[in-house]
Amino acid sequence: MGGVSADQNAPSPLWTYIETNLENRGLTTGDLARATGVHRSRFTDWRRGKSISIETARSIANLFDVSPLEVLVAAELITAEEAQLRHTRPDPAELSDEELVAELRRRLKRK
């Protein structure tokens, strides 16, 4: 886990996870900073692959309404097998209008 990537500028798996979840939920890095109590300057460290604390993982999980285990897996602190995570698809009926619109925007950007 956590070796040197071929592209030194590529964001870490954790940062990719965070960015995706922020975008999907219509949140900003300001929202992330407030929810975690972490200064935005730390986000650059996370983008480069620096580790997060368990407390921060919990705060991120609360913001995204997911299990802290999911965040720890994204941060490559534990494996999915260790977390015994099972990937499920969300029920579209349970998504907010904002989440549905964000998903449509994401899909349309790919085309």
N, C-alpha and C. Protein backbone atom coordinates (compact mmCIF):
# COMPACT_ATOMS: atom_id res chain seq x y z
N MET A 1 0.84 -1.18 0.00
CA MET A 1 0.00 0.00 0.00
C MET A 1 0.88 1.24 0.00
N GLY A 2 0.42 2.28 -0.76
CA GLY A 2 1.05 3.58 -0.67
C GLY A 2 2.44 3.68 -1.25
N GLY A 3 2.74 3.09 -2.41
CA GLY A 3 4.03 3.24 -3.05
C GLY A 3 4.07 4.52 -3.86
N VAL A 4 5.18 4.72 -4.56
CA VAL A 4 5.32 5.90 -5.41
C VAL A 4 4.59 5.63 -6.71
N SER A 5 3.72 6.55 -7.10
CA SER A 5 2.96 6.37 -8.32
C SER A 5 3.76 6.84 -9.52
N ALA A 6 3.35 6.39 -10.69
CA ALA A 6 4.02 6.79 -11.92
C ALA A 6 3.85 8.28 -12.15
N ASP A 7 2.73 8.83 -11.77
CA ASP A 7 2.46 10.25 -11.92
C ASP A 7 2.49 10.89 -10.54
N GLN A 8 3.58 11.59 -10.25
CA GLN A 8 3.76 12.20 -8.93
C GLN A 8 2.67 13.23 -8.62
N ASN A 9 2.04 13.79 -9.67
CA ASN A 9 1.02 14.80 -9.47
C ASN A 9 -0.38 14.23 -9.34
N ALA A 10 -0.52 12.93 -9.53
CA ALA A 10 -1.84 12.31 -9.42
C ALA A 10 -2.30 12.38 -7.96
N PRO A 11 -3.57 12.72 -7.75
CA PRO A 11 -4.06 12.78 -6.37
C PRO A 11 -4.09 11.40 -5.73
N SER A 12 -3.95 11.38 -4.42
CA SER A 12 -4.00 10.13 -3.67
C SER A 12 -5.40 9.52 -3.77
N PRO A 13 -5.50 8.22 -3.52
CA PRO A 13 -6.83 7.59 -3.51
C PRO A 13 -7.78 8.28 -2.52
N LEU A 14 -7.25 8.69 -1.36
CA LEU A 14 -8.09 9.38 -0.38
C LEU A 14 -8.63 10.67 -0.97
N TRP A 15 -7.76 11.46 -1.59
CA TRP A 15 -8.20 12.75 -2.11
C TRP A 15 -9.20 12.56 -3.25
N THR A 16 -8.99 11.56 -4.08
CA THR A 16 -9.95 11.26 -5.15
C THR A 16 -11.31 10.92 -4.54
N TYR A 17 -11.29 10.12 -3.48
CA TYR A 17 -12.52 9.75 -2.76
C TYR A 17 -13.21 11.00 -2.21
N ILE A 18 -12.42 11.86 -1.56
CA ILE A 18 -12.98 13.08 -0.97
C ILE A 18 -13.58 13.98 -2.04
N GLU A 19 -12.82 14.23 -3.10
CA GLU A 19 -13.31 15.11 -4.18
C GLU A 19 -14.61 14.57 -4.79
N THR A 20 -14.64 13.28 -5.04
CA THR A 20 -15.83 12.66 -5.63
C THR A 20 -17.04 12.84 -4.72
N ASN A 21 -16.84 12.59 -3.43
CA ASN A 21 -17.95 12.72 -2.49
C ASN A 21 -18.38 14.16 -2.30
N LEU A 22 -17.44 15.09 -2.28
CA LEU A 22 -17.81 16.50 -2.19
C LEU A 22 -18.67 16.90 -3.39
N GLU A 23 -18.19 16.53 -4.58
CA GLU A 23 -18.90 16.88 -5.80
C GLU A 23 -20.28 16.24 -5.84
N ASN A 24 -20.35 14.97 -5.50
CA ASN A 24 -21.64 14.25 -5.54
C ASN A 24 -22.66 14.82 -4.57
N ARG A 25 -22.18 15.43 -3.51
CA ARG A 25 -23.08 15.96 -2.49
C ARG A 25 -23.25 17.48 -2.58
N GLY A 26 -22.61 18.09 -3.56
CA GLY A 26 -22.71 19.54 -3.71
C GLY A 26 -22.04 20.29 -2.58
N LEU A 27 -20.97 19.70 -2.02
CA LEU A 27 -20.23 20.32 -0.92
C LEU A 27 -18.92 20.92 -1.44
N THR A 28 -18.32 21.76 -0.61
CA THR A 28 -17.06 22.41 -0.96
C THR A 28 -15.96 21.99 0.01
N THR A 29 -14.74 22.38 -0.32
CA THR A 29 -13.64 22.12 0.62
C THR A 29 -13.83 22.94 1.89
N GLY A 30 -14.54 24.06 1.79
CA GLY A 30 -14.88 24.82 3.00
C GLY A 30 -15.77 24.02 3.92
N ASP A 31 -16.74 23.31 3.34
CA ASP A 31 -17.60 22.42 4.14
C ASP A 31 -16.76 21.33 4.80
N LEU A 32 -15.81 20.79 4.05
CA LEU A 32 -14.93 19.75 4.58
C LEU A 32 -14.10 20.29 5.74
N ALA A 33 -13.55 21.49 5.57
CA ALA A 33 -12.74 22.10 6.62
C ALA A 33 -13.56 22.30 7.89
N ARG A 34 -14.77 22.81 7.74
CA ARG A 34 -15.63 23.03 8.90
C ARG A 34 -16.01 21.72 9.58
N ALA A 35 -16.34 20.71 8.80
CA ALA A 35 -16.79 19.43 9.36
C ALA A 35 -15.67 18.69 10.09
N THR A 36 -14.44 18.84 9.59
CA THR A 36 -13.32 18.09 10.17
C THR A 36 -12.53 18.90 11.18
N GLY A 37 -12.68 20.23 11.14
CA GLY A 37 -11.86 21.08 12.00
C GLY A 37 -10.42 21.14 11.55
N VAL A 38 -10.18 20.75 10.30
CA VAL A 38 -8.83 20.72 9.74
C VAL A 38 -8.65 21.93 8.83
N HIS A 39 -7.51 22.60 8.95
CA HIS A 39 -7.22 23.75 8.10
C HIS A 39 -7.04 23.28 6.66
N ARG A 40 -7.49 24.10 5.74
CA ARG A 40 -7.43 23.74 4.31
C ARG A 40 -6.02 23.43 3.82
N SER A 41 -5.02 23.98 4.47
CA SER A 41 -3.64 23.72 4.05
C SER A 41 -3.29 22.23 4.16
N ARG A 42 -3.98 21.52 5.04
CA ARG A 42 -3.75 20.07 5.18
C ARG A 42 -4.26 19.29 3.98
N PHE A 43 -5.21 19.87 3.24
CA PHE A 43 -5.77 19.18 2.09
C PHE A 43 -4.71 18.88 1.05
N THR A 44 -3.74 19.77 0.91
CA THR A 44 -2.63 19.53 -0.03
C THR A 44 -1.85 18.30 0.40
N ASP A 45 -1.63 18.17 1.71
CA ASP A 45 -0.94 16.98 2.23
C ASP A 45 -1.73 15.71 1.89
N TRP A 46 -3.03 15.76 2.09
CA TRP A 46 -3.87 14.59 1.79
C TRP A 46 -3.82 14.27 0.31
N ARG A 47 -3.85 15.31 -0.53
CA ARG A 47 -3.80 15.10 -1.98
C ARG A 47 -2.51 14.39 -2.36
N ARG A 48 -1.44 14.68 -1.63
CA ARG A 48 -0.13 14.08 -1.91
C ARG A 48 0.06 12.73 -1.23
N GLY A 49 -0.94 12.28 -0.47
CA GLY A 49 -0.86 10.95 0.10
C GLY A 49 -0.54 10.88 1.58
N LYS A 50 -0.50 12.02 2.27
CA LYS A 50 -0.27 11.98 3.72
C LYS A 50 -1.47 11.35 4.41
N SER A 51 -1.20 10.70 5.51
CA SER A 51 -2.23 9.96 6.23
C SER A 51 -3.15 10.89 7.02
N ILE A 52 -4.31 10.36 7.36
CA ILE A 52 -5.26 11.07 8.21
C ILE A 52 -5.40 10.32 9.52
N SER A 53 -5.90 11.01 10.52
CA SER A 53 -6.13 10.38 11.82
C SER A 53 -7.49 9.67 11.82
N ILE A 54 -7.67 8.80 12.78
CA ILE A 54 -8.95 8.11 12.95
C ILE A 54 -10.05 9.14 13.22
N GLU A 55 -9.74 10.13 14.04
CA GLU A 55 -10.72 11.18 14.36
C GLU A 55 -11.15 11.93 13.09
N THR A 56 -10.18 12.24 12.23
CA THR A 56 -10.50 12.93 10.98
C THR A 56 -11.32 12.02 10.07
N ALA A 57 -10.97 10.74 10.02
CA ALA A 57 -11.74 9.79 9.22
C ALA A 57 -13.19 9.75 9.69
N ARG A 58 -13.39 9.80 10.99
CA ARG A 58 -14.76 9.81 11.54
C ARG A 58 -15.51 11.07 11.11
N SER A 59 -14.81 12.21 11.16
CA SER A 59 -15.45 13.48 10.77
C SER A 59 -15.83 13.47 9.29
N ILE A 60 -14.94 12.94 8.45
CA ILE A 60 -15.22 12.84 7.02
C ILE A 60 -16.41 11.90 6.80
N ALA A 61 -16.41 10.78 7.51
CA ALA A 61 -17.51 9.82 7.39
C ALA A 61 -18.84 10.46 7.79
N ASN A 62 -18.84 11.24 8.86
CA ASN A 62 -20.06 11.92 9.29
C ASN A 62 -20.54 12.90 8.23
N LEU A 63 -19.61 13.64 7.63
CA LEU A 63 -19.97 14.61 6.60
C LEU A 63 -20.62 13.92 5.41
N PHE A 64 -20.05 12.77 5.01
CA PHE A 64 -20.55 12.05 3.84
C PHE A 64 -21.62 11.02 4.17
N ASP A 65 -21.93 10.88 5.46
CA ASP A 65 -22.93 9.91 5.92
C ASP A 65 -22.59 8.49 5.45
N VAL A 66 -21.33 8.11 5.71
CA VAL A 66 -20.84 6.77 5.38
C VAL A 66 -20.15 6.19 6.61
N SER A 67 -19.77 4.94 6.54
CA SER A 67 -19.03 4.29 7.62
C SER A 67 -17.60 4.83 7.67
N PRO A 68 -17.06 5.05 8.87
CA PRO A 68 -15.65 5.43 8.97
C PRO A 68 -14.74 4.39 8.31
N LEU A 69 -15.18 3.14 8.28
CA LEU A 69 -14.39 2.10 7.62
C LEU A 69 -14.20 2.40 6.14
N GLU A 70 -15.23 2.94 5.51
CA GLU A 70 -15.13 3.28 4.09
C GLU A 70 -14.05 4.33 3.87
N VAL A 71 -13.98 5.31 4.76
CA VAL A 71 -12.96 6.36 4.65
C VAL A 71 -11.58 5.78 4.90
N LEU A 72 -11.45 4.90 5.88
CA LEU A 72 -10.15 4.27 6.16
C LEU A 72 -9.68 3.43 4.99
N VAL A 73 -10.60 2.78 4.30
CA VAL A 73 -10.24 2.01 3.10
C VAL A 73 -9.78 2.97 2.00
N ALA A 74 -10.51 4.07 1.81
CA ALA A 74 -10.12 5.06 0.80
C ALA A 74 -8.74 5.64 1.09
N ALA A 75 -8.42 5.78 2.37
CA ALA A 75 -7.12 6.31 2.78
C ALA A 75 -6.02 5.25 2.75
N GLU A 76 -6.41 4.03 2.40
CA GLU A 76 -5.49 2.89 2.34
C GLU A 76 -4.84 2.58 3.68
N LEU A 77 -5.59 2.86 4.76
CA LEU A 77 -5.11 2.51 6.10
C LEU A 77 -5.51 1.09 6.47
N ILE A 78 -6.61 0.63 5.87
CA ILE A 78 -7.03 -0.76 5.98
C ILE A 78 -7.54 -1.20 4.61
N THR A 79 -7.62 -2.49 4.40
CA THR A 79 -8.14 -3.00 3.13
C THR A 79 -9.65 -3.20 3.23
N ALA A 80 -10.29 -3.31 2.09
CA ALA A 80 -11.73 -3.58 2.07
C ALA A 80 -12.03 -4.91 2.75
N GLU A 81 -11.12 -5.86 2.58
CA GLU A 81 -11.31 -7.16 3.23
C GLU A 81 -11.26 -7.01 4.74
N GLU A 82 -10.32 -6.20 5.22
CA GLU A 82 -10.23 -5.97 6.66
C GLU A 82 -11.49 -5.27 7.19
N ALA A 83 -12.02 -4.38 6.40
CA ALA A 83 -13.22 -3.65 6.81
C ALA A 83 -14.48 -4.47 6.58
N GLN A 84 -14.35 -5.54 5.79
CA GLN A 84 -15.49 -6.38 5.42
C GLN A 84 -16.60 -5.54 4.80
N LEU A 85 -16.17 -4.63 3.91
CA LEU A 85 -17.13 -3.78 3.23
C LEU A 85 -17.77 -4.53 2.08
N ARG A 86 -19.02 -4.32 1.90
CA ARG A 86 -19.73 -4.84 0.74
C ARG A 86 -20.25 -3.65 -0.04
N HIS A 87 -19.88 -3.58 -1.30
CA HIS A 87 -20.33 -2.46 -2.13
C HIS A 87 -21.77 -2.69 -2.53
N THR A 88 -22.58 -1.68 -2.28
CA THR A 88 -23.98 -1.74 -2.67
C THR A 88 -24.29 -0.52 -3.51
N ARG A 89 -25.28 -0.66 -4.32
CA ARG A 89 -25.73 0.47 -5.13
C ARG A 89 -26.80 1.21 -4.33
N PRO A 90 -26.73 2.54 -4.35
CA PRO A 90 -27.76 3.29 -3.63
C PRO A 90 -29.11 3.17 -4.34
N ASP A 91 -30.15 3.22 -3.56
CA ASP A 91 -31.49 3.24 -4.12
C ASP A 91 -31.74 4.66 -4.64
N PRO A 92 -31.94 4.83 -5.94
CA PRO A 92 -32.13 6.18 -6.48
C PRO A 92 -33.26 6.95 -5.80
N ALA A 93 -34.25 6.25 -5.31
CA ALA A 93 -35.37 6.90 -4.63
C ALA A 93 -34.93 7.55 -3.33
N GLU A 94 -33.82 7.08 -2.76
CA GLU A 94 -33.34 7.62 -1.49
C GLU A 94 -32.37 8.78 -1.68
N LEU A 95 -31.96 9.05 -2.92
CA LEU A 95 -31.04 10.15 -3.18
C LEU A 95 -31.80 11.48 -3.18
N SER A 96 -31.12 12.51 -2.67
CA SER A 96 -31.74 13.84 -2.71
C SER A 96 -31.71 14.37 -4.14
N ASP A 97 -32.48 15.40 -4.39
CA ASP A 97 -32.46 16.02 -5.72
C ASP A 97 -31.06 16.49 -6.07
N GLU A 98 -30.36 17.07 -5.08
CA GLU A 98 -29.00 17.57 -5.30
C GLU A 98 -28.05 16.44 -5.68
N GLU A 99 -28.17 15.30 -5.02
CA GLU A 99 -27.31 14.16 -5.34
C GLU A 99 -27.60 13.62 -6.73
N LEU A 100 -28.87 13.58 -7.11
CA LEU A 100 -29.22 13.12 -8.46
C LEU A 100 -28.68 14.07 -9.53
N VAL A 101 -28.83 15.37 -9.31
CA VAL A 101 -28.33 16.35 -10.27
C VAL A 101 -26.81 16.27 -10.36
N ALA A 102 -26.13 16.11 -9.22
CA ALA A 102 -24.66 16.00 -9.22
C ALA A 102 -24.22 14.77 -10.00
N GLU A 103 -24.93 13.67 -9.86
CA GLU A 103 -24.58 12.45 -10.60
C GLU A 103 -24.79 12.65 -12.09
N LEU A 104 -25.88 13.29 -12.46
CA LEU A 104 -26.12 13.57 -13.88
C LEU A 104 -25.04 14.47 -14.46
N ARG A 105 -24.63 15.50 -13.71
CA ARG A 105 -23.55 16.39 -14.16
C ARG A 105 -22.26 15.60 -14.36
N ARG A 106 -21.94 14.74 -13.39
CA ARG A 106 -20.72 13.94 -13.47
C ARG A 106 -20.74 13.07 -14.72
N ARG A 107 -21.86 12.43 -14.98
CA ARG A 107 -21.97 11.55 -16.15
C ARG A 107 -21.89 12.33 -17.46
N LEU A 108 -22.51 13.49 -17.51
CA LEU A 108 -22.49 14.28 -18.74
C LEU A 108 -21.10 14.84 -19.02
N LYS A 109 -20.31 15.11 -17.99
CA LYS A 109 -18.93 15.60 -18.17
C LYS A 109 -18.06 14.55 -18.85
N ARG A 110 -18.36 13.27 -18.63
CA ARG A 110 -17.55 12.19 -19.21
C ARG A 110 -17.75 12.06 -20.70
N LYS A 111 -18.82 12.59 -21.23
CA LYS A 111 -19.14 12.41 -22.66
C LYS A 111 -18.46 13.42 -23.53
